[in-house]
Amino acid sequence: MRRLGLAAVFALVLAVFGLAPSASAADPAPADLTFTTDSATTHPGGTVNLSMTITNNRTYDVWFIYQTIDPTWLTTQRPDLKYSFSGCSLATAAGSTPCSGTGPANLGANYGATIPPGQSRTVTLTLQIAADSGCNGNIGFYSYFYAEFSDSANSNGGPVYTPETRVLCS
């Protein structure tokens, strides 16, 4: 009992003087995926740029990324909404380069991994709304991703949702 009492007194002294380990804020995700659009609305025949940014929050390089993108359930319930991905580019420090592909397939290859610690890569998909698309509907997507790091660790996340784009009649 004497040892237990001594340990309790020691822990109390550490806590009072602020020397005890404290609960820190949650660590950021090892890799974050965020979305932005250049417009919240569009019209039939218009385009919207959907940008996806992967940020490496770890102290090791991202070596590999796998990412999917799929329409939300509400988007699939509007068969009159017609759209496709018509272009893709990767923003780098040296400028913009075309992606290796577009659409809901493996978008991860487009990020140009390796991504050093603390850096980001942004891939922008061009969403083309068909001229004969229905109006007054929202188009939204969700994504899952998986990242591998140079220390053999991995991270996955999702679903991550894009901002919805409203298709307006003109």
N, C-alpha and C. Protein backbone atom coordinates (compact mmCIF):
# COMPACT_ATOMS: atom_id res chain seq x y z
N MET A 1 0.82 -1.19 0.00
CA MET A 1 0.00 0.00 0.00
C MET A 1 0.87 1.26 0.00
N ARG A 2 2.01 1.17 0.72
CA ARG A 2 2.88 2.33 0.82
C ARG A 2 3.38 2.74 -0.57
N ARG A 3 3.76 1.76 -1.42
CA ARG A 3 4.24 2.07 -2.77
C ARG A 3 3.14 2.67 -3.62
N LEU A 4 1.94 2.14 -3.50
CA LEU A 4 0.81 2.66 -4.25
C LEU A 4 0.53 4.11 -3.85
N GLY A 5 0.58 4.40 -2.56
CA GLY A 5 0.35 5.76 -2.07
C GLY A 5 1.42 6.71 -2.57
N LEU A 6 2.67 6.26 -2.57
CA LEU A 6 3.77 7.08 -3.05
C LEU A 6 3.63 7.38 -4.55
N ALA A 7 3.23 6.39 -5.33
CA ALA A 7 3.02 6.58 -6.77
C ALA A 7 1.88 7.57 -7.02
N ALA A 8 0.82 7.47 -6.21
CA ALA A 8 -0.31 8.38 -6.38
C ALA A 8 0.09 9.82 -6.07
N VAL A 9 0.87 10.02 -5.01
CA VAL A 9 1.33 11.36 -4.64
C VAL A 9 2.23 11.92 -5.75
N PHE A 10 3.13 11.10 -6.27
CA PHE A 10 4.02 11.52 -7.36
C PHE A 10 3.22 11.94 -8.59
N ALA A 11 2.20 11.14 -8.97
CA ALA A 11 1.35 11.47 -10.13
C ALA A 11 0.60 12.77 -9.90
N LEU A 12 0.13 12.99 -8.66
CA LEU A 12 -0.59 14.22 -8.34
C LEU A 12 0.33 15.43 -8.46
N VAL A 13 1.56 15.32 -7.98
CA VAL A 13 2.51 16.42 -8.08
C VAL A 13 2.80 16.74 -9.55
N LEU A 14 3.02 15.70 -10.37
CA LEU A 14 3.26 15.92 -11.80
C LEU A 14 2.08 16.62 -12.46
N ALA A 15 0.86 16.19 -12.12
CA ALA A 15 -0.33 16.79 -12.72
C ALA A 15 -0.49 18.24 -12.30
N VAL A 16 -0.25 18.54 -11.03
CA VAL A 16 -0.41 19.90 -10.53
C VAL A 16 0.58 20.85 -11.19
N PHE A 17 1.81 20.41 -11.38
CA PHE A 17 2.82 21.28 -11.96
C PHE A 17 2.89 21.18 -13.48
N GLY A 18 1.95 20.49 -14.10
CA GLY A 18 1.88 20.43 -15.56
C GLY A 18 2.93 19.59 -16.21
N LEU A 19 3.50 18.66 -15.50
CA LEU A 19 4.55 17.83 -16.07
C LEU A 19 4.04 16.48 -16.53
N ALA A 20 2.80 16.20 -16.25
CA ALA A 20 2.24 14.91 -16.66
C ALA A 20 1.97 14.93 -18.15
N PRO A 21 2.05 13.78 -18.80
CA PRO A 21 1.71 13.73 -20.23
C PRO A 21 0.26 14.18 -20.41
N SER A 22 0.04 15.03 -21.36
CA SER A 22 -1.32 15.52 -21.59
C SER A 22 -1.87 14.91 -22.86
N ALA A 23 -3.17 14.89 -22.92
CA ALA A 23 -3.83 14.40 -24.13
C ALA A 23 -3.67 15.47 -25.20
N SER A 24 -3.00 15.15 -26.27
CA SER A 24 -2.80 16.13 -27.33
C SER A 24 -3.93 16.04 -28.34
N ALA A 25 -4.03 17.05 -29.16
CA ALA A 25 -5.03 17.03 -30.22
C ALA A 25 -4.75 15.84 -31.13
N ALA A 26 -5.78 15.33 -31.70
CA ALA A 26 -5.63 14.17 -32.58
C ALA A 26 -4.68 14.48 -33.72
N ASP A 27 -3.83 13.53 -34.02
CA ASP A 27 -2.91 13.71 -35.14
C ASP A 27 -3.71 13.84 -36.43
N PRO A 28 -3.22 14.63 -37.38
CA PRO A 28 -3.94 14.71 -38.65
C PRO A 28 -3.84 13.37 -39.37
N ALA A 29 -4.76 13.15 -40.25
CA ALA A 29 -4.73 11.92 -41.05
C ALA A 29 -3.41 11.87 -41.81
N PRO A 30 -2.83 10.67 -41.98
CA PRO A 30 -1.56 10.57 -42.71
C PRO A 30 -1.63 11.16 -44.12
N ALA A 31 -2.80 11.03 -44.74
CA ALA A 31 -3.01 11.63 -46.06
C ALA A 31 -4.44 12.15 -46.10
N ASP A 32 -4.61 13.39 -46.52
CA ASP A 32 -5.93 14.00 -46.62
C ASP A 32 -6.31 14.15 -48.08
N LEU A 33 -7.58 13.91 -48.37
CA LEU A 33 -8.13 14.14 -49.71
C LEU A 33 -9.21 15.19 -49.58
N THR A 34 -9.06 16.30 -50.31
CA THR A 34 -10.06 17.36 -50.29
C THR A 34 -10.50 17.67 -51.71
N PHE A 35 -11.71 18.21 -51.83
CA PHE A 35 -12.30 18.53 -53.13
C PHE A 35 -12.71 20.00 -53.17
N THR A 36 -12.59 20.59 -54.33
CA THR A 36 -13.15 21.91 -54.60
C THR A 36 -13.69 21.92 -56.02
N THR A 37 -14.61 22.82 -56.28
CA THR A 37 -15.11 23.04 -57.65
C THR A 37 -14.96 24.51 -57.97
N ASP A 38 -14.85 24.82 -59.26
CA ASP A 38 -14.72 26.22 -59.64
C ASP A 38 -16.08 26.90 -59.81
N SER A 39 -17.16 26.12 -59.69
CA SER A 39 -18.50 26.68 -59.81
C SER A 39 -19.49 25.78 -59.10
N ALA A 40 -20.46 26.38 -58.42
CA ALA A 40 -21.49 25.59 -57.75
C ALA A 40 -22.65 25.28 -58.67
N THR A 41 -22.73 26.00 -59.80
CA THR A 41 -23.83 25.79 -60.75
C THR A 41 -23.28 25.73 -62.17
N THR A 42 -24.03 25.10 -63.03
CA THR A 42 -23.69 25.07 -64.45
C THR A 42 -24.99 24.89 -65.22
N HIS A 43 -24.91 24.93 -66.53
CA HIS A 43 -26.06 24.77 -67.41
C HIS A 43 -25.79 23.62 -68.36
N PRO A 44 -26.83 23.07 -68.97
CA PRO A 44 -26.59 22.05 -70.00
C PRO A 44 -25.61 22.59 -71.04
N GLY A 45 -24.62 21.78 -71.37
CA GLY A 45 -23.58 22.20 -72.30
C GLY A 45 -22.38 22.84 -71.61
N GLY A 46 -22.47 23.07 -70.30
CA GLY A 46 -21.39 23.73 -69.56
C GLY A 46 -20.40 22.75 -68.97
N THR A 47 -19.38 23.31 -68.35
CA THR A 47 -18.35 22.50 -67.69
C THR A 47 -18.12 23.01 -66.27
N VAL A 48 -17.62 22.12 -65.43
CA VAL A 48 -17.22 22.46 -64.07
C VAL A 48 -15.91 21.72 -63.82
N ASN A 49 -14.94 22.43 -63.24
CA ASN A 49 -13.67 21.80 -62.88
C ASN A 49 -13.73 21.31 -61.45
N LEU A 50 -13.49 20.02 -61.27
CA LEU A 50 -13.50 19.37 -59.97
C LEU A 50 -12.05 19.07 -59.60
N SER A 51 -11.54 19.76 -58.57
CA SER A 51 -10.15 19.58 -58.16
C SER A 51 -10.07 18.72 -56.91
N MET A 52 -9.14 17.77 -56.93
CA MET A 52 -8.93 16.84 -55.82
C MET A 52 -7.48 17.01 -55.37
N THR A 53 -7.29 17.27 -54.09
CA THR A 53 -5.95 17.50 -53.57
C THR A 53 -5.62 16.46 -52.50
N ILE A 54 -4.52 15.74 -52.72
CA ILE A 54 -3.99 14.80 -51.72
C ILE A 54 -2.83 15.52 -51.02
N THR A 55 -2.88 15.55 -49.69
CA THR A 55 -1.83 16.16 -48.89
C THR A 55 -1.15 15.07 -48.06
N ASN A 56 0.17 15.02 -48.11
CA ASN A 56 0.95 14.05 -47.33
C ASN A 56 1.29 14.68 -45.99
N ASN A 57 0.65 14.22 -44.91
CA ASN A 57 0.89 14.74 -43.57
C ASN A 57 1.92 13.93 -42.78
N ARG A 58 2.52 12.95 -43.40
CA ARG A 58 3.50 12.10 -42.71
C ARG A 58 4.92 12.62 -42.94
N THR A 59 5.87 11.96 -42.29
CA THR A 59 7.28 12.32 -42.47
C THR A 59 7.96 11.41 -43.48
N TYR A 60 7.19 10.61 -44.19
CA TYR A 60 7.71 9.72 -45.23
C TYR A 60 7.00 10.03 -46.54
N ASP A 61 7.65 9.72 -47.66
CA ASP A 61 7.06 9.95 -48.98
C ASP A 61 5.83 9.07 -49.20
N VAL A 62 4.86 9.60 -49.95
CA VAL A 62 3.78 8.77 -50.48
C VAL A 62 4.32 8.13 -51.74
N TRP A 63 4.31 6.82 -51.80
CA TRP A 63 4.82 6.10 -52.97
C TRP A 63 3.71 5.69 -53.93
N PHE A 64 2.52 5.48 -53.40
CA PHE A 64 1.45 4.90 -54.22
C PHE A 64 0.11 5.42 -53.71
N ILE A 65 -0.78 5.74 -54.64
CA ILE A 65 -2.14 6.16 -54.30
C ILE A 65 -3.11 5.41 -55.19
N TYR A 66 -4.19 4.93 -54.60
CA TYR A 66 -5.31 4.37 -55.37
C TYR A 66 -6.53 5.17 -54.95
N GLN A 67 -7.30 5.63 -55.92
CA GLN A 67 -8.49 6.42 -55.62
C GLN A 67 -9.59 6.10 -56.61
N THR A 68 -10.81 5.99 -56.10
CA THR A 68 -11.98 5.83 -56.96
C THR A 68 -12.86 7.06 -56.80
N ILE A 69 -13.69 7.31 -57.78
CA ILE A 69 -14.69 8.38 -57.68
C ILE A 69 -15.97 7.85 -58.32
N ASP A 70 -17.07 7.98 -57.59
CA ASP A 70 -18.36 7.46 -58.05
C ASP A 70 -19.45 8.48 -57.77
N PRO A 71 -20.52 8.48 -58.58
CA PRO A 71 -21.63 9.40 -58.32
C PRO A 71 -22.35 9.02 -57.02
N THR A 72 -22.86 10.03 -56.32
CA THR A 72 -23.65 9.76 -55.12
C THR A 72 -24.96 9.09 -55.51
N TRP A 73 -25.62 8.50 -54.53
CA TRP A 73 -26.87 7.79 -54.79
C TRP A 73 -27.91 8.74 -55.39
N LEU A 74 -28.03 9.96 -54.86
CA LEU A 74 -29.02 10.89 -55.40
C LEU A 74 -28.72 11.26 -56.85
N THR A 75 -27.45 11.34 -57.20
CA THR A 75 -27.07 11.63 -58.59
C THR A 75 -27.51 10.50 -59.51
N THR A 76 -27.37 9.27 -59.05
CA THR A 76 -27.76 8.12 -59.89
C THR A 76 -29.27 8.00 -60.05
N GLN A 77 -30.04 8.66 -59.20
CA GLN A 77 -31.49 8.59 -59.28
C GLN A 77 -32.08 9.55 -60.30
N ARG A 78 -31.25 10.34 -60.95
CA ARG A 78 -31.69 11.29 -61.98
C ARG A 78 -31.15 10.84 -63.33
N PRO A 79 -31.84 9.91 -64.01
CA PRO A 79 -31.32 9.44 -65.30
C PRO A 79 -31.29 10.52 -66.38
N ASP A 80 -31.99 11.66 -66.15
CA ASP A 80 -31.96 12.74 -67.14
C ASP A 80 -30.69 13.59 -67.05
N LEU A 81 -29.94 13.44 -65.96
CA LEU A 81 -28.67 14.17 -65.84
C LEU A 81 -27.62 13.43 -66.66
N LYS A 82 -27.04 14.13 -67.61
CA LYS A 82 -26.03 13.52 -68.48
C LYS A 82 -24.73 14.30 -68.35
N TYR A 83 -23.66 13.59 -68.03
CA TYR A 83 -22.38 14.23 -67.83
C TYR A 83 -21.27 13.21 -68.06
N SER A 84 -20.08 13.72 -68.24
CA SER A 84 -18.91 12.84 -68.37
C SER A 84 -17.68 13.64 -67.96
N PHE A 85 -16.58 12.92 -67.68
CA PHE A 85 -15.31 13.58 -67.42
C PHE A 85 -14.61 13.74 -68.76
N SER A 86 -14.32 14.98 -69.13
CA SER A 86 -13.76 15.23 -70.46
C SER A 86 -12.30 15.64 -70.45
N GLY A 87 -11.73 15.86 -69.29
CA GLY A 87 -10.33 16.25 -69.25
C GLY A 87 -9.77 16.05 -67.87
N CYS A 88 -8.44 16.02 -67.79
CA CYS A 88 -7.77 15.81 -66.52
C CYS A 88 -6.38 16.44 -66.58
N SER A 89 -6.00 17.14 -65.50
CA SER A 89 -4.66 17.71 -65.44
C SER A 89 -4.12 17.60 -64.02
N LEU A 90 -2.78 17.55 -63.92
CA LEU A 90 -2.08 17.49 -62.65
C LEU A 90 -1.30 18.78 -62.48
N ALA A 91 -1.54 19.49 -61.38
CA ALA A 91 -0.79 20.70 -61.08
C ALA A 91 0.49 20.32 -60.34
N THR A 92 1.62 20.74 -60.86
CA THR A 92 2.92 20.48 -60.23
C THR A 92 3.66 21.80 -60.08
N ALA A 93 4.78 21.77 -59.40
CA ALA A 93 5.59 22.97 -59.22
C ALA A 93 6.08 23.50 -60.57
N ALA A 94 6.23 22.60 -61.54
CA ALA A 94 6.72 22.99 -62.87
C ALA A 94 5.60 23.41 -63.81
N GLY A 95 4.36 23.38 -63.35
CA GLY A 95 3.23 23.73 -64.20
C GLY A 95 2.20 22.62 -64.21
N SER A 96 1.39 22.62 -65.23
CA SER A 96 0.31 21.65 -65.34
C SER A 96 0.62 20.63 -66.43
N THR A 97 0.35 19.37 -66.15
CA THR A 97 0.58 18.30 -67.12
C THR A 97 -0.69 17.48 -67.27
N PRO A 98 -0.91 16.85 -68.42
CA PRO A 98 -2.09 16.01 -68.58
C PRO A 98 -2.00 14.78 -67.67
N CYS A 99 -3.16 14.27 -67.29
CA CYS A 99 -3.23 13.06 -66.48
C CYS A 99 -3.06 11.83 -67.36
N SER A 100 -2.92 10.69 -66.69
CA SER A 100 -2.79 9.43 -67.41
C SER A 100 -4.15 8.84 -67.76
N GLY A 101 -5.24 9.42 -67.27
CA GLY A 101 -6.57 8.91 -67.59
C GLY A 101 -7.63 9.74 -66.91
N THR A 102 -8.87 9.51 -67.27
CA THR A 102 -9.98 10.22 -66.64
C THR A 102 -11.06 9.21 -66.27
N GLY A 103 -12.04 9.68 -65.52
CA GLY A 103 -13.16 8.83 -65.16
C GLY A 103 -12.97 8.16 -63.82
N PRO A 104 -13.85 7.22 -63.50
CA PRO A 104 -13.87 6.64 -62.16
C PRO A 104 -12.86 5.52 -61.94
N ALA A 105 -12.00 5.25 -62.90
CA ALA A 105 -10.99 4.20 -62.72
C ALA A 105 -9.95 4.66 -61.70
N ASN A 106 -8.81 4.05 -61.68
CA ASN A 106 -7.76 4.38 -60.72
C ASN A 106 -7.24 5.80 -60.95
N LEU A 107 -7.78 6.75 -60.21
CA LEU A 107 -7.34 8.14 -60.33
C LEU A 107 -6.01 8.37 -59.64
N GLY A 108 -5.62 7.45 -58.77
CA GLY A 108 -4.39 7.62 -58.01
C GLY A 108 -3.16 7.76 -58.87
N ALA A 109 -3.13 7.08 -59.99
CA ALA A 109 -1.97 7.17 -60.88
C ALA A 109 -1.76 8.59 -61.38
N ASN A 110 -2.80 9.40 -61.40
CA ASN A 110 -2.72 10.76 -61.90
C ASN A 110 -1.97 11.72 -60.98
N TYR A 111 -1.79 11.35 -59.70
CA TYR A 111 -1.17 12.27 -58.74
C TYR A 111 0.33 12.37 -58.90
N GLY A 112 0.92 11.54 -59.71
CA GLY A 112 2.35 11.62 -59.93
C GLY A 112 3.15 11.34 -58.68
N ALA A 113 2.71 10.34 -57.87
CA ALA A 113 3.47 9.98 -56.67
C ALA A 113 4.89 9.66 -57.13
N THR A 114 5.84 10.07 -56.49
CA THR A 114 6.09 10.21 -55.07
C THR A 114 5.71 11.63 -54.61
N ILE A 115 5.05 11.71 -53.43
CA ILE A 115 4.71 12.99 -52.84
C ILE A 115 5.51 13.13 -51.55
N PRO A 116 6.44 14.08 -51.49
CA PRO A 116 7.27 14.26 -50.29
C PRO A 116 6.44 14.70 -49.08
N PRO A 117 6.98 14.53 -47.88
CA PRO A 117 6.28 14.94 -46.66
C PRO A 117 5.89 16.42 -46.71
N GLY A 118 4.66 16.69 -46.27
CA GLY A 118 4.17 18.06 -46.19
C GLY A 118 3.74 18.67 -47.52
N GLN A 119 3.88 17.93 -48.61
CA GLN A 119 3.49 18.48 -49.91
C GLN A 119 2.14 17.93 -50.37
N SER A 120 1.59 18.58 -51.37
CA SER A 120 0.29 18.21 -51.93
C SER A 120 0.40 18.06 -53.43
N ARG A 121 -0.53 17.34 -54.00
CA ARG A 121 -0.71 17.24 -55.45
C ARG A 121 -2.19 17.45 -55.73
N THR A 122 -2.48 18.20 -56.78
CA THR A 122 -3.87 18.47 -57.15
C THR A 122 -4.15 17.98 -58.55
N VAL A 123 -5.17 17.13 -58.66
CA VAL A 123 -5.65 16.66 -59.96
C VAL A 123 -6.99 17.34 -60.20
N THR A 124 -7.16 17.90 -61.40
CA THR A 124 -8.41 18.56 -61.76
C THR A 124 -9.07 17.82 -62.90
N LEU A 125 -10.29 17.35 -62.65
CA LEU A 125 -11.10 16.71 -63.68
C LEU A 125 -12.09 17.73 -64.22
N THR A 126 -12.30 17.74 -65.53
CA THR A 126 -13.30 18.60 -66.13
C THR A 126 -14.57 17.79 -66.30
N LEU A 127 -15.63 18.25 -65.65
CA LEU A 127 -16.94 17.61 -65.71
C LEU A 127 -17.74 18.30 -66.81
N GLN A 128 -18.04 17.58 -67.89
CA GLN A 128 -18.78 18.14 -69.02
C GLN A 128 -20.25 17.75 -68.87
N ILE A 129 -21.13 18.76 -68.84
CA ILE A 129 -22.57 18.51 -68.77
C ILE A 129 -23.09 18.47 -70.21
N ALA A 130 -23.81 17.41 -70.56
CA ALA A 130 -24.32 17.26 -71.92
C ALA A 130 -25.31 18.37 -72.24
N ALA A 131 -25.33 18.77 -73.51
CA ALA A 131 -26.24 19.83 -73.96
C ALA A 131 -27.70 19.44 -73.77
N ASP A 132 -27.99 18.14 -73.82
CA ASP A 132 -29.38 17.68 -73.65
C ASP A 132 -29.63 17.11 -72.25
N SER A 133 -28.80 17.49 -71.29
CA SER A 133 -28.95 17.01 -69.91
C SER A 133 -30.20 17.61 -69.28
N GLY A 134 -30.79 16.86 -68.37
CA GLY A 134 -31.89 17.39 -67.58
C GLY A 134 -31.40 18.51 -66.69
N CYS A 135 -32.33 19.31 -66.20
CA CYS A 135 -31.99 20.47 -65.38
C CYS A 135 -32.50 20.30 -63.96
N ASN A 136 -32.10 21.24 -63.12
CA ASN A 136 -32.53 21.31 -61.73
C ASN A 136 -32.20 20.05 -60.94
N GLY A 137 -31.06 19.50 -61.22
CA GLY A 137 -30.59 18.35 -60.45
C GLY A 137 -29.19 18.60 -59.94
N ASN A 138 -28.83 17.93 -58.87
CA ASN A 138 -27.48 18.04 -58.30
C ASN A 138 -26.63 16.89 -58.78
N ILE A 139 -25.38 17.19 -59.10
CA ILE A 139 -24.40 16.15 -59.44
C ILE A 139 -23.35 16.17 -58.34
N GLY A 140 -23.18 15.04 -57.69
CA GLY A 140 -22.20 14.93 -56.62
C GLY A 140 -21.49 13.60 -56.70
N PHE A 141 -20.30 13.52 -56.14
CA PHE A 141 -19.49 12.30 -56.17
C PHE A 141 -18.94 12.01 -54.79
N TYR A 142 -18.56 10.77 -54.59
CA TYR A 142 -17.84 10.40 -53.38
C TYR A 142 -16.62 9.59 -53.79
N SER A 143 -15.65 9.54 -52.90
CA SER A 143 -14.39 8.91 -53.25
C SER A 143 -13.83 8.14 -52.06
N TYR A 144 -13.16 7.05 -52.36
CA TYR A 144 -12.34 6.32 -51.39
C TYR A 144 -10.91 6.38 -51.89
N PHE A 145 -9.95 6.42 -50.98
CA PHE A 145 -8.56 6.41 -51.42
C PHE A 145 -7.71 5.56 -50.48
N TYR A 146 -6.59 5.16 -51.00
CA TYR A 146 -5.62 4.35 -50.28
C TYR A 146 -4.24 4.88 -50.65
N ALA A 147 -3.40 5.13 -49.65
CA ALA A 147 -2.05 5.64 -49.90
C ALA A 147 -1.04 4.75 -49.19
N GLU A 148 0.08 4.49 -49.85
CA GLU A 148 1.19 3.76 -49.24
C GLU A 148 2.38 4.70 -49.11
N PHE A 149 3.11 4.56 -48.00
CA PHE A 149 4.23 5.44 -47.68
C PHE A 149 5.54 4.67 -47.77
N SER A 150 6.64 5.40 -47.85
CA SER A 150 7.95 4.78 -48.02
C SER A 150 8.41 3.99 -46.78
N ASP A 151 7.72 4.17 -45.65
CA ASP A 151 8.06 3.37 -44.46
C ASP A 151 7.20 2.10 -44.38
N SER A 152 6.55 1.74 -45.48
CA SER A 152 5.69 0.56 -45.59
C SER A 152 4.37 0.70 -44.85
N ALA A 153 4.07 1.87 -44.31
CA ALA A 153 2.76 2.10 -43.69
C ALA A 153 1.76 2.43 -44.79
N ASN A 154 0.49 2.35 -44.46
CA ASN A 154 -0.54 2.73 -45.42
C ASN A 154 -1.66 3.45 -44.71
N SER A 155 -2.49 4.10 -45.48
CA SER A 155 -3.60 4.87 -44.96
C SER A 155 -4.74 4.78 -45.95
N ASN A 156 -5.95 4.65 -45.45
CA ASN A 156 -7.08 4.74 -46.37
C ASN A 156 -8.15 5.59 -45.73
N GLY A 157 -8.98 6.15 -46.57
CA GLY A 157 -10.01 7.04 -46.09
C GLY A 157 -11.19 7.08 -47.03
N GLY A 158 -12.27 7.53 -46.50
CA GLY A 158 -13.46 7.69 -47.30
C GLY A 158 -14.66 7.17 -46.54
N PRO A 159 -15.82 7.47 -47.01
CA PRO A 159 -16.01 8.25 -48.22
C PRO A 159 -15.72 9.73 -47.98
N VAL A 160 -15.16 10.35 -49.00
CA VAL A 160 -14.94 11.79 -49.02
C VAL A 160 -15.85 12.32 -50.11
N TYR A 161 -16.65 13.33 -49.79
CA TYR A 161 -17.66 13.82 -50.73
C TYR A 161 -17.22 15.11 -51.42
N THR A 162 -17.56 15.22 -52.69
CA THR A 162 -17.30 16.43 -53.45
C THR A 162 -18.40 17.45 -53.17
N PRO A 163 -18.13 18.72 -53.43
CA PRO A 163 -19.24 19.67 -53.42
C PRO A 163 -20.21 19.31 -54.54
N GLU A 164 -21.49 19.50 -54.30
CA GLU A 164 -22.46 19.21 -55.37
C GLU A 164 -22.54 20.36 -56.33
N THR A 165 -22.73 20.03 -57.59
CA THR A 165 -22.90 21.02 -58.64
C THR A 165 -24.35 20.99 -59.07
N ARG A 166 -24.99 22.13 -59.10
CA ARG A 166 -26.40 22.24 -59.48
C ARG A 166 -26.47 22.53 -60.96
N VAL A 167 -27.25 21.72 -61.69
CA VAL A 167 -27.46 21.94 -63.12
C VAL A 167 -28.74 22.76 -63.27
N LEU A 168 -28.59 23.98 -63.77
CA LEU A 168 -29.73 24.89 -63.93
C LEU A 168 -30.18 24.98 -65.37
N CYS A 169 -31.45 25.18 -65.58
CA CYS A 169 -31.95 25.39 -66.95
C CYS A 169 -31.66 26.83 -67.36
N SER A 170 -31.38 27.00 -68.65
CA SER A 170 -31.15 28.37 -69.11
C SER A 170 -32.13 28.71 -70.20
